[in-house]
C-alpha atoms as a PDB file:
ATOM      1  CA  MET A   1     -25.673 -55.026   9.147  1.00  0.00           C
ATOM      2  CA  SER A   2     -28.965 -53.482   8.283  1.00  0.00           C
ATOM      3  CA  ASN A   3     -31.015 -54.879   5.593  1.00  0.00           C
ATOM      4  CA  THR A   4     -33.373 -51.676   5.607  1.00  0.00           C
ATOM      5  CA  ARG A   5     -34.008 -50.367   2.045  1.00  0.00           C
ATOM      6  CA  THR A   6     -35.940 -47.340   0.748  1.00  0.00           C
ATOM      7  CA  HIS A   7     -38.027 -47.142  -2.546  1.00  0.00           C
ATOM      8  CA  LYS A   8     -37.971 -43.646  -3.646  1.00  0.00           C
ATOM      9  CA  ALA A   9     -40.044 -41.753  -6.246  1.00  0.00           C
ATOM     10  CA  THR A  10     -40.567 -38.063  -6.798  1.00  0.00           C
ATOM     11  CA  GLY A  11     -42.449 -35.962  -9.688  1.00  0.00           C
ATOM     12  CA  ALA A  12     -45.212 -33.358  -9.853  1.00  0.00           C
ATOM     13  CA  ILE A  13     -47.805 -35.566 -11.613  1.00  0.00           C
ATOM     14  CA  ALA A  14     -50.085 -38.477 -10.240  1.00  0.00           C
ATOM     15  CA  ILE A  15     -48.511 -40.710  -8.018  1.00  0.00           C
ATOM     16  CA  ALA A  16     -48.371 -44.160  -9.213  1.00  0.00           C
ATOM     17  CA  SER A  17     -45.282 -46.025  -7.724  1.00  0.00           C
ATOM     18  CA  THR A  18     -44.810 -49.885  -7.295  1.00  0.00           C
ATOM     19  CA  LEU A  19     -42.715 -51.436  -4.867  1.00  0.00           C
ATOM     20  CA  ALA A  20     -42.019 -55.067  -6.330  1.00  0.00           C
ATOM     21  CA  PRO A  21     -38.478 -56.349  -4.625  1.00  0.00           C
ATOM     22  CA  GLY A  22     -39.152 -59.898  -5.960  1.00  0.00           C
ATOM     23  CA  ILE A  23     -38.010 -61.531  -2.667  1.00  0.00           C
ATOM     24  CA  GLN A  24     -40.112 -61.870   0.627  1.00  0.00           C
ATOM     25  CA  TRP A  25     -40.122 -58.586   2.417  1.00  0.00           C
ATOM     26  CA  GLN A  26     -41.742 -56.603   5.114  1.00  0.00           C
ATOM     27  CA  LEU A  27     -42.995 -53.218   5.001  1.00  0.00           C
ATOM     28  CA  GLU A  28     -41.879 -50.712   7.702  1.00  0.00           C
ATOM     29  CA  GLU A  29     -43.076 -47.085   6.679  1.00  0.00           C
ATOM     30  CA  ILE A  30     -44.659 -44.987   3.943  1.00  0.00           C
ATOM     31  CA  ARG A  31     -43.583 -41.328   3.859  1.00  0.00           C
ATOM     32  CA  VAL A  32     -44.908 -38.533   1.769  1.00  0.00           C
ATOM     33  CA  HIS A  33     -43.717 -34.922   1.614  1.00  0.00           C
ATOM     34  CA  LEU A  34     -45.652 -32.152  -0.675  1.00  0.00           C
ATOM     35  CA  SER A  35     -44.283 -28.907  -1.956  1.00  0.00           C
ATOM     36  CA  ALA A  36     -47.605 -27.373  -0.613  1.00  0.00           C
ATOM     37  CA  VAL A  37     -50.931 -28.488   0.993  1.00  0.00           C
ATOM     38  CA  GLY A  38     -52.297 -31.366  -1.347  1.00  0.00           C
ATOM     39  CA  ALA A  39     -55.571 -31.173  -3.181  1.00  0.00           C
ATOM     40  CA  ALA A  40     -58.795 -33.498  -2.448  1.00  0.00           C
ATOM     41  CA  GLY A  41     -58.353 -37.148  -3.058  1.00  0.00           C
ATOM     42  CA  ASP A  42     -56.937 -40.199  -1.279  1.00  0.00           C
ATOM     43  CA  LEU A  43     -53.356 -41.554  -1.329  1.00  0.00           C
ATOM     44  CA  THR A  44     -53.931 -45.289  -1.362  1.00  0.00           C
ATOM     45  CA  ALA A  45     -51.446 -48.134  -0.410  1.00  0.00           C
ATOM     46  CA  THR A  46     -52.721 -51.461  -2.165  1.00  0.00           C
ATOM     47  CA  LEU A  47     -51.258 -54.991  -1.898  1.00  0.00           C
ATOM     48  CA  ASP A  48     -51.206 -56.227  -5.381  1.00  0.00           C
ATOM     49  CA  HIS A  49     -51.100 -60.058  -4.182  1.00  0.00           C
ATOM     50  CA  GLY A  50     -49.104 -62.604  -6.124  1.00  0.00           C
ATOM     51  CA  ALA A  51     -51.736 -65.214  -5.758  1.00  0.00           C
ATOM     52  CA  GLY A  52     -54.163 -62.993  -7.701  1.00  0.00           C
ATOM     53  CA  THR A  53     -56.680 -60.250  -7.649  1.00  0.00           C
ATOM     54  CA  ALA A  54     -59.043 -62.129  -5.074  1.00  0.00           C
ATOM     55  CA  TYR A  55     -56.300 -61.326  -2.444  1.00  0.00           C
ATOM     56  CA  ASP A  56     -55.550 -57.712  -3.569  1.00  0.00           C
ATOM     57  CA  LEU A  57     -56.117 -55.347  -0.455  1.00  0.00           C
ATOM     58  CA  VAL A  58     -56.033 -51.490   0.368  1.00  0.00           C
ATOM     59  CA  ILE A  59     -54.012 -51.340   3.222  1.00  0.00           C
ATOM     60  CA  LEU A  60     -53.790 -47.437   3.654  1.00  0.00           C
ATOM     61  CA  THR A  61     -56.068 -44.739   2.587  1.00  0.00           C
ATOM     62  CA  GLN A  62     -55.170 -41.143   3.576  1.00  0.00           C
ATOM     63  CA  ASP A  63     -57.196 -37.989   2.603  1.00  0.00           C
ATOM     64  CA  MET A  64     -54.284 -35.693   1.113  1.00  0.00           C
ATOM     65  CA  ALA A  65     -56.497 -32.231   1.085  1.00  0.00           C
ATOM     66  CA  ALA A  66     -54.845 -30.572   4.262  1.00  0.00           C
ATOM     67  CA  VAL A  67     -51.518 -32.436   4.222  1.00  0.00           C
ATOM     68  CA  THR A  68     -47.884 -31.561   3.272  1.00  0.00           C
ATOM     69  CA  ASP A  69     -46.196 -34.285   5.293  1.00  0.00           C
ATOM     70  CA  PHE A  70     -47.454 -37.638   5.990  1.00  0.00           C
ATOM     71  CA  ILE A  71     -45.659 -40.792   7.843  1.00  0.00           C
ATOM     72  CA  TRP A  72     -47.383 -43.911   8.041  1.00  0.00           C
ATOM     73  CA  HIS A  73     -45.677 -46.466  10.387  1.00  0.00           C
ATOM     74  CA  CYS A  74     -46.927 -50.071  10.884  1.00  0.00           C
ATOM     75  CA  GLU A  75     -47.392 -51.031  14.248  1.00  0.00           C
ATOM     76  CA  ARG A  76     -45.908 -54.444  13.519  1.00  0.00           C
ATOM     77  CA  PRO A  77     -44.013 -54.946  10.218  1.00  0.00           C
ATOM     78  CA  MET A  78     -46.437 -56.335   7.440  1.00  0.00           C
ATOM     79  CA  GLU A  79     -44.814 -59.332   5.546  1.00  0.00           C
ATOM     80  CA  PHE A  80     -45.046 -59.732   2.071  1.00  0.00           C
ATOM     81  CA  GLY A  81     -44.371 -62.749  -0.364  1.00  0.00           C
ATOM     82  CA  ALA A  82     -41.925 -62.576  -3.190  1.00  0.00           C
ATOM     83  CA  ASP A  83     -44.719 -62.277  -5.723  1.00  0.00           C
ATOM     84  CA  ASP A  84     -46.433 -59.645  -3.868  1.00  0.00           C
ATOM     85  CA  GLU A  85     -46.246 -55.926  -4.843  1.00  0.00           C
ATOM     86  CA  LEU A  86     -47.142 -52.659  -3.039  1.00  0.00           C
ATOM     87  CA  ASP A  87     -49.019 -50.057  -5.135  1.00  0.00           C
ATOM     88  CA  ILE A  88     -49.201 -46.352  -4.061  1.00  0.00           C
ATOM     89  CA  ALA A  89     -51.485 -44.012  -5.883  1.00  0.00           C
ATOM     90  CA  TRP A  90     -52.551 -40.390  -5.708  1.00  0.00           C
ATOM     91  CA  ALA A  91     -54.218 -38.167  -8.588  1.00  0.00           C
ATOM     92  CA  ASN A  92     -52.309 -35.013  -7.351  1.00  0.00           C
ATOM     93  CA  ALA A  93     -54.742 -32.714  -9.101  1.00  0.00           C
ATOM     94  CA  SER A  94     -52.710 -29.613  -8.122  1.00  0.00           C
ATOM     95  CA  THR A  95     -49.653 -30.926  -9.295  1.00  0.00           C
ATOM     96  CA  ARG A  96     -47.813 -30.422  -6.016  1.00  0.00           C
ATOM     97  CA  THR A  97     -44.124 -31.668  -6.240  1.00  0.00           C
ATOM     98  CA  TYR A  98     -43.836 -34.736  -4.021  1.00  0.00           C
ATOM     99  CA  GLY A  99     -41.290 -37.120  -2.590  1.00  0.00           C
ATOM    100  CA  LEU A 100     -42.327 -40.620  -1.719  1.00  0.00           C
ATOM    101  CA  GLU A 101     -40.349 -43.221   0.392  1.00  0.00           C
ATOM    102  CA  ILE A 102     -41.292 -46.634   1.171  1.00  0.00           C
ATOM    103  CA  VAL A 103     -39.088 -48.101   3.835  1.00  0.00           C
ATOM    104  CA  TRP A 104     -38.818 -52.003   3.733  1.00  0.00           C
ATOM    105  CA  LYS A 105     -36.706 -54.794   4.695  1.00  0.00           C
ATOM    106  CA  SER A 106     -35.919 -58.281   3.258  1.00  0.00           C
ATOM    107  CA  ILE A 107     -36.745 -61.244   5.328  1.00  0.00           C
END
């Protein structure tokens, strides 16, 4: 039995999505699809560390200016604690419709 799960978000405004499972987990993949080529600005994935802001870490930065489909796959799964969260953000200045998927597993 697979314990793979997917956090999904969609819209046509800024991306501000948080994955906070509340259990120990590992990040497998981040996927973003846009309805048309994105505008300037970076998509970011940030570890919001449960131990406090001194441990927060930007783990991914991707310029979306010429992108419609983006997949980021961890070479090795990244492990997160039960109090850790993953924040995904992008300004989406051109109001493209997006589909965001974060693939993760409980550990």
